[in-house]
Amino acid sequence: YIEIAPIEYLIMKLTDTSGDNDFTYIFLLTYQYFLNDGSELIDILTKRFYYTKLKFSVEGESFNKADFMKTILRIVNVFKLWIEIHKKQFLYQRELIDSSCYFANQKVYRVF
């Protein structure tokens, strides 16, 4: 149960590999109350993706590819669930579709 937390903490918890599904659903149903819009959520998830890539690239030989892939897949699954929950938002806000497609095709695709 979280009453108050900075957005950075919420995003770390949201994309944690332990994958708290209840938290994920609650976050995605209520994010509009503490973020300006969907494009802000895309920006934050994209930053989390870059942070993950940077973190694992800096670790060098101690790099754990399994942990890296789990985190990346968790971020992608949050995107997927967000689109499933808020289909209409994506249908009527072209910039959300464009940003999500760019993220998937230009960033995530290159990881795999």
N, C-alpha and C. Protein backbone atom coordinates (compact mmCIF):
# COMPACT_ATOMS: atom_id res chain seq x y z
N TYR A 1 0.84 -1.17 0.00
CA TYR A 1 0.00 0.00 0.00
C TYR A 1 0.89 1.24 0.00
N ILE A 2 0.70 2.11 -0.99
CA ILE A 2 1.48 3.34 -1.11
C ILE A 2 0.51 4.52 -1.03
N GLU A 3 0.80 5.42 -0.11
CA GLU A 3 -0.05 6.59 0.02
C GLU A 3 0.53 7.79 -0.72
N ILE A 4 1.83 7.99 -0.58
CA ILE A 4 2.53 9.12 -1.23
C ILE A 4 3.91 8.64 -1.63
N ALA A 5 4.32 9.00 -2.86
CA ALA A 5 5.66 8.64 -3.33
C ALA A 5 6.01 9.50 -4.54
N PRO A 6 7.29 9.77 -4.75
CA PRO A 6 7.68 10.49 -5.97
C PRO A 6 7.46 9.62 -7.20
N ILE A 7 7.23 10.26 -8.33
CA ILE A 7 6.94 9.52 -9.56
C ILE A 7 8.07 8.55 -9.91
N GLU A 8 9.30 8.93 -9.63
CA GLU A 8 10.44 8.05 -9.93
C GLU A 8 10.32 6.71 -9.19
N TYR A 9 9.90 6.77 -7.92
CA TYR A 9 9.71 5.55 -7.15
C TYR A 9 8.58 4.70 -7.74
N LEU A 10 7.50 5.37 -8.11
CA LEU A 10 6.36 4.64 -8.68
C LEU A 10 6.75 3.94 -9.98
N ILE A 11 7.53 4.60 -10.81
CA ILE A 11 7.97 4.00 -12.08
C ILE A 11 8.92 2.83 -11.81
N MET A 12 9.80 2.97 -10.85
CA MET A 12 10.71 1.86 -10.51
C MET A 12 9.89 0.67 -10.03
N LYS A 13 8.90 0.92 -9.19
CA LYS A 13 8.05 -0.16 -8.70
C LYS A 13 7.21 -0.75 -9.83
N LEU A 14 6.72 0.11 -10.70
CA LEU A 14 5.90 -0.33 -11.83
C LEU A 14 6.67 -1.26 -12.76
N THR A 15 7.95 -0.97 -12.96
CA THR A 15 8.76 -1.73 -13.92
C THR A 15 9.70 -2.72 -13.25
N ASP A 16 9.53 -2.93 -11.95
CA ASP A 16 10.35 -3.89 -11.23
C ASP A 16 10.07 -5.30 -11.74
N THR A 17 11.09 -6.11 -11.79
CA THR A 17 10.93 -7.45 -12.37
C THR A 17 10.06 -8.37 -11.52
N SER A 18 9.81 -8.01 -10.28
CA SER A 18 8.92 -8.84 -9.47
C SER A 18 7.48 -8.75 -9.99
N GLY A 19 7.17 -7.65 -10.69
CA GLY A 19 5.89 -7.54 -11.39
C GLY A 19 4.65 -7.62 -10.53
N ASP A 20 4.43 -6.63 -9.70
CA ASP A 20 3.23 -6.56 -8.86
C ASP A 20 2.05 -6.15 -9.75
N ASN A 21 1.26 -7.13 -10.17
CA ASN A 21 0.18 -6.87 -11.12
C ASN A 21 -0.90 -5.96 -10.55
N ASP A 22 -1.22 -6.09 -9.27
CA ASP A 22 -2.22 -5.20 -8.67
C ASP A 22 -1.75 -3.76 -8.74
N PHE A 23 -0.49 -3.53 -8.39
CA PHE A 23 0.05 -2.17 -8.44
C PHE A 23 0.02 -1.65 -9.88
N THR A 24 0.38 -2.48 -10.83
CA THR A 24 0.41 -2.07 -12.23
C THR A 24 -0.97 -1.61 -12.70
N TYR A 25 -2.00 -2.41 -12.41
CA TYR A 25 -3.36 -2.04 -12.81
C TYR A 25 -3.80 -0.74 -12.14
N ILE A 26 -3.54 -0.62 -10.84
CA ILE A 26 -3.95 0.59 -10.12
C ILE A 26 -3.22 1.81 -10.69
N PHE A 27 -1.92 1.67 -10.93
CA PHE A 27 -1.15 2.77 -11.48
C PHE A 27 -1.72 3.20 -12.84
N LEU A 28 -1.94 2.24 -13.72
CA LEU A 28 -2.40 2.57 -15.07
C LEU A 28 -3.83 3.11 -15.09
N LEU A 29 -4.62 2.76 -14.10
CA LEU A 29 -5.97 3.30 -14.02
C LEU A 29 -6.01 4.70 -13.41
N THR A 30 -4.95 5.08 -12.68
CA THR A 30 -4.98 6.35 -11.95
C THR A 30 -3.88 7.33 -12.34
N TYR A 31 -3.01 6.97 -13.27
CA TYR A 31 -1.85 7.83 -13.57
C TYR A 31 -2.25 9.24 -13.99
N GLN A 32 -3.44 9.40 -14.56
CA GLN A 32 -3.88 10.72 -15.03
C GLN A 32 -4.08 11.71 -13.88
N TYR A 33 -4.17 11.21 -12.66
CA TYR A 33 -4.34 12.09 -11.51
C TYR A 33 -3.02 12.74 -11.07
N PHE A 34 -1.90 12.13 -11.43
CA PHE A 34 -0.62 12.70 -10.99
C PHE A 34 0.37 12.96 -12.12
N LEU A 35 0.01 12.67 -13.34
CA LEU A 35 0.81 13.05 -14.52
C LEU A 35 -0.06 13.92 -15.41
N ASN A 36 0.58 14.77 -16.18
CA ASN A 36 -0.18 15.69 -17.03
C ASN A 36 -0.97 14.99 -18.12
N ASP A 37 -0.32 14.02 -18.80
CA ASP A 37 -1.00 13.32 -19.89
C ASP A 37 -0.22 12.05 -20.25
N GLY A 38 -0.72 11.35 -21.25
CA GLY A 38 -0.09 10.11 -21.67
C GLY A 38 1.30 10.29 -22.22
N SER A 39 1.55 11.42 -22.87
CA SER A 39 2.89 11.63 -23.42
C SER A 39 3.93 11.73 -22.31
N GLU A 40 3.53 12.24 -21.16
CA GLU A 40 4.46 12.29 -20.02
C GLU A 40 4.79 10.88 -19.53
N LEU A 41 3.79 10.00 -19.53
CA LEU A 41 4.04 8.61 -19.13
C LEU A 41 4.97 7.93 -20.13
N ILE A 42 4.78 8.17 -21.41
CA ILE A 42 5.68 7.61 -22.42
C ILE A 42 7.10 8.10 -22.20
N ASP A 43 7.26 9.39 -21.94
CA ASP A 43 8.59 9.94 -21.68
C ASP A 43 9.25 9.28 -20.47
N ILE A 44 8.49 9.10 -19.41
CA ILE A 44 9.04 8.51 -18.19
C ILE A 44 9.41 7.05 -18.42
N LEU A 45 8.55 6.30 -19.11
CA LEU A 45 8.87 4.89 -19.39
C LEU A 45 10.07 4.78 -20.33
N THR A 46 10.19 5.71 -21.27
CA THR A 46 11.34 5.73 -22.17
C THR A 46 12.62 6.02 -21.39
N LYS A 47 12.56 6.96 -20.46
CA LYS A 47 13.72 7.24 -19.61
C LYS A 47 14.09 6.02 -18.78
N ARG A 48 13.11 5.30 -18.29
CA ARG A 48 13.37 4.07 -17.51
C ARG A 48 14.07 3.04 -18.41
N PHE A 49 13.65 2.95 -19.64
CA PHE A 49 14.28 2.05 -20.60
C PHE A 49 15.75 2.43 -20.81
N TYR A 50 16.00 3.72 -21.04
CA TYR A 50 17.38 4.19 -21.24
C TYR A 50 18.23 3.98 -19.99
N TYR A 51 17.64 4.23 -18.83
CA TYR A 51 18.35 4.01 -17.57
C TYR A 51 18.76 2.54 -17.45
N THR A 52 17.86 1.65 -17.80
CA THR A 52 18.15 0.21 -17.72
C THR A 52 19.29 -0.15 -18.66
N LYS A 53 19.22 0.35 -19.90
CA LYS A 53 20.30 0.08 -20.86
C LYS A 53 21.63 0.63 -20.35
N LEU A 54 21.62 1.84 -19.83
CA LEU A 54 22.84 2.46 -19.33
C LEU A 54 23.39 1.71 -18.13
N LYS A 55 22.51 1.35 -17.22
CA LYS A 55 22.93 0.64 -16.01
C LYS A 55 23.64 -0.66 -16.37
N PHE A 56 23.06 -1.41 -17.27
CA PHE A 56 23.64 -2.70 -17.62
C PHE A 56 24.88 -2.54 -18.51
N SER A 57 24.97 -1.48 -19.28
CA SER A 57 26.17 -1.28 -20.09
C SER A 57 27.34 -0.82 -19.23
N VAL A 58 27.08 -0.09 -18.17
CA VAL A 58 28.14 0.37 -17.26
C VAL A 58 28.67 -0.78 -16.42
N GLU A 59 27.83 -1.75 -16.13
CA GLU A 59 28.25 -2.86 -15.28
C GLU A 59 29.28 -3.75 -15.96
N GLY A 60 29.40 -3.65 -17.24
CA GLY A 60 30.45 -4.39 -17.97
C GLY A 60 30.39 -5.89 -17.77
N GLU A 61 31.45 -6.45 -17.21
CA GLU A 61 31.54 -7.91 -17.07
C GLU A 61 30.56 -8.48 -16.07
N SER A 62 30.11 -7.66 -15.14
CA SER A 62 29.13 -8.16 -14.17
C SER A 62 27.71 -8.09 -14.73
N PHE A 63 27.60 -7.77 -16.00
CA PHE A 63 26.34 -7.67 -16.72
C PHE A 63 25.57 -8.98 -16.63
N ASN A 64 24.34 -8.90 -16.18
CA ASN A 64 23.49 -10.08 -16.10
C ASN A 64 22.39 -9.93 -17.15
N LYS A 65 22.58 -10.62 -18.27
CA LYS A 65 21.66 -10.46 -19.40
C LYS A 65 20.24 -10.88 -19.03
N ALA A 66 20.08 -11.86 -18.17
CA ALA A 66 18.73 -12.30 -17.78
C ALA A 66 18.00 -11.19 -17.04
N ASP A 67 18.67 -10.52 -16.11
CA ASP A 67 18.04 -9.41 -15.38
C ASP A 67 17.72 -8.26 -16.31
N PHE A 68 18.63 -7.98 -17.23
CA PHE A 68 18.42 -6.92 -18.21
C PHE A 68 17.16 -7.21 -19.03
N MET A 69 17.06 -8.42 -19.55
CA MET A 69 15.92 -8.78 -20.40
C MET A 69 14.61 -8.77 -19.60
N LYS A 70 14.65 -9.21 -18.35
CA LYS A 70 13.45 -9.19 -17.51
C LYS A 70 12.94 -7.76 -17.33
N THR A 71 13.87 -6.84 -17.08
CA THR A 71 13.48 -5.44 -16.89
C THR A 71 12.92 -4.84 -18.17
N ILE A 72 13.59 -5.10 -19.29
CA ILE A 72 13.11 -4.57 -20.58
C ILE A 72 11.73 -5.15 -20.90
N LEU A 73 11.55 -6.44 -20.68
CA LEU A 73 10.25 -7.05 -20.96
C LEU A 73 9.16 -6.51 -20.03
N ARG A 74 9.53 -6.21 -18.81
CA ARG A 74 8.56 -5.62 -17.88
C ARG A 74 8.11 -4.24 -18.38
N ILE A 75 9.05 -3.44 -18.85
CA ILE A 75 8.71 -2.12 -19.39
C ILE A 75 7.79 -2.26 -20.60
N VAL A 76 8.11 -3.19 -21.48
CA VAL A 76 7.28 -3.43 -22.67
C VAL A 76 5.89 -3.92 -22.26
N ASN A 77 5.82 -4.78 -21.26
CA ASN A 77 4.52 -5.28 -20.81
C ASN A 77 3.67 -4.19 -20.18
N VAL A 78 4.30 -3.24 -19.50
CA VAL A 78 3.56 -2.09 -18.96
C VAL A 78 2.96 -1.28 -20.12
N PHE A 79 3.77 -1.04 -21.15
CA PHE A 79 3.25 -0.35 -22.34
C PHE A 79 2.06 -1.10 -22.92
N LYS A 80 2.20 -2.40 -23.08
CA LYS A 80 1.14 -3.23 -23.67
C LYS A 80 -0.15 -3.15 -22.85
N LEU A 81 -0.01 -3.30 -21.56
CA LEU A 81 -1.18 -3.25 -20.69
C LEU A 81 -1.83 -1.86 -20.70
N TRP A 82 -1.01 -0.84 -20.73
CA TRP A 82 -1.52 0.53 -20.80
C TRP A 82 -2.37 0.71 -22.06
N ILE A 83 -1.89 0.22 -23.18
CA ILE A 83 -2.64 0.33 -24.44
C ILE A 83 -3.93 -0.46 -24.36
N GLU A 84 -3.89 -1.64 -23.76
CA GLU A 84 -5.10 -2.46 -23.62
C GLU A 84 -6.15 -1.77 -22.74
N ILE A 85 -5.70 -1.16 -21.65
CA ILE A 85 -6.63 -0.52 -20.71
C ILE A 85 -7.20 0.78 -21.28
N HIS A 86 -6.38 1.53 -21.99
CA HIS A 86 -6.78 2.86 -22.48
C HIS A 86 -6.83 2.90 -24.01
N LYS A 87 -7.50 1.93 -24.62
CA LYS A 87 -7.58 1.86 -26.08
C LYS A 87 -8.10 3.16 -26.70
N LYS A 88 -9.15 3.72 -26.14
CA LYS A 88 -9.75 4.93 -26.72
C LYS A 88 -8.78 6.09 -26.68
N GLN A 89 -8.02 6.19 -25.63
CA GLN A 89 -7.04 7.27 -25.53
C GLN A 89 -6.04 7.18 -26.68
N PHE A 90 -5.65 5.97 -27.01
CA PHE A 90 -4.70 5.78 -28.11
C PHE A 90 -5.36 5.99 -29.47
N LEU A 91 -6.64 5.69 -29.58
CA LEU A 91 -7.34 5.89 -30.84
C LEU A 91 -7.50 7.37 -31.18
N TYR A 92 -7.69 8.19 -30.16
CA TYR A 92 -7.99 9.60 -30.40
C TYR A 92 -6.81 10.54 -30.21
N GLN A 93 -5.70 10.03 -29.73
CA GLN A 93 -4.51 10.87 -29.55
C GLN A 93 -3.37 10.31 -30.39
N ARG A 94 -3.28 10.81 -31.57
CA ARG A 94 -2.31 10.30 -32.55
C ARG A 94 -0.87 10.33 -32.03
N GLU A 95 -0.53 11.35 -31.23
CA GLU A 95 0.85 11.44 -30.73
C GLU A 95 1.21 10.27 -29.81
N LEU A 96 0.21 9.71 -29.12
CA LEU A 96 0.47 8.53 -28.29
C LEU A 96 0.80 7.32 -29.15
N ILE A 97 0.06 7.15 -30.23
CA ILE A 97 0.33 6.04 -31.15
C ILE A 97 1.71 6.21 -31.77
N ASP A 98 1.99 7.42 -32.26
CA ASP A 98 3.28 7.67 -32.91
C ASP A 98 4.45 7.45 -31.95
N SER A 99 4.33 7.98 -30.74
CA SER A 99 5.41 7.84 -29.76
C SER A 99 5.60 6.38 -29.35
N SER A 100 4.51 5.67 -29.17
CA SER A 100 4.60 4.25 -28.79
C SER A 100 5.21 3.42 -29.90
N CYS A 101 4.80 3.67 -31.13
CA CYS A 101 5.36 2.93 -32.27
C CYS A 101 6.85 3.22 -32.43
N TYR A 102 7.22 4.48 -32.29
CA TYR A 102 8.63 4.85 -32.39
C TYR A 102 9.43 4.14 -31.31
N PHE A 103 8.93 4.16 -30.08
CA PHE A 103 9.62 3.47 -28.98
C PHE A 103 9.78 1.99 -29.29
N ALA A 104 8.70 1.35 -29.72
CA ALA A 104 8.75 -0.09 -29.99
C ALA A 104 9.67 -0.43 -31.16
N ASN A 105 9.55 0.31 -32.25
CA ASN A 105 10.30 0.00 -33.47
C ASN A 105 11.75 0.45 -33.45
N GLN A 106 12.02 1.60 -32.85
CA GLN A 106 13.38 2.16 -32.89
C GLN A 106 14.21 1.84 -31.67
N LYS A 107 13.58 1.60 -30.54
CA LYS A 107 14.33 1.39 -29.31
C LYS A 107 14.30 -0.07 -28.84
N VAL A 108 13.11 -0.57 -28.60
CA VAL A 108 12.99 -1.93 -28.06
C VAL A 108 13.40 -2.97 -29.08
N TYR A 109 13.00 -2.81 -30.32
CA TYR A 109 13.30 -3.79 -31.36
C TYR A 109 14.81 -4.02 -31.47
N ARG A 110 15.60 -2.97 -31.30
CA ARG A 110 17.05 -3.08 -31.41
C ARG A 110 17.69 -3.88 -30.29
N VAL A 111 17.00 -3.97 -29.17
CA VAL A 111 17.50 -4.74 -28.03
C VAL A 111 17.41 -6.23 -28.34
N PHE A 112 16.34 -6.62 -29.04
CA PHE A 112 16.13 -8.03 -29.32
C PHE A 112 16.80 -8.38 -30.63
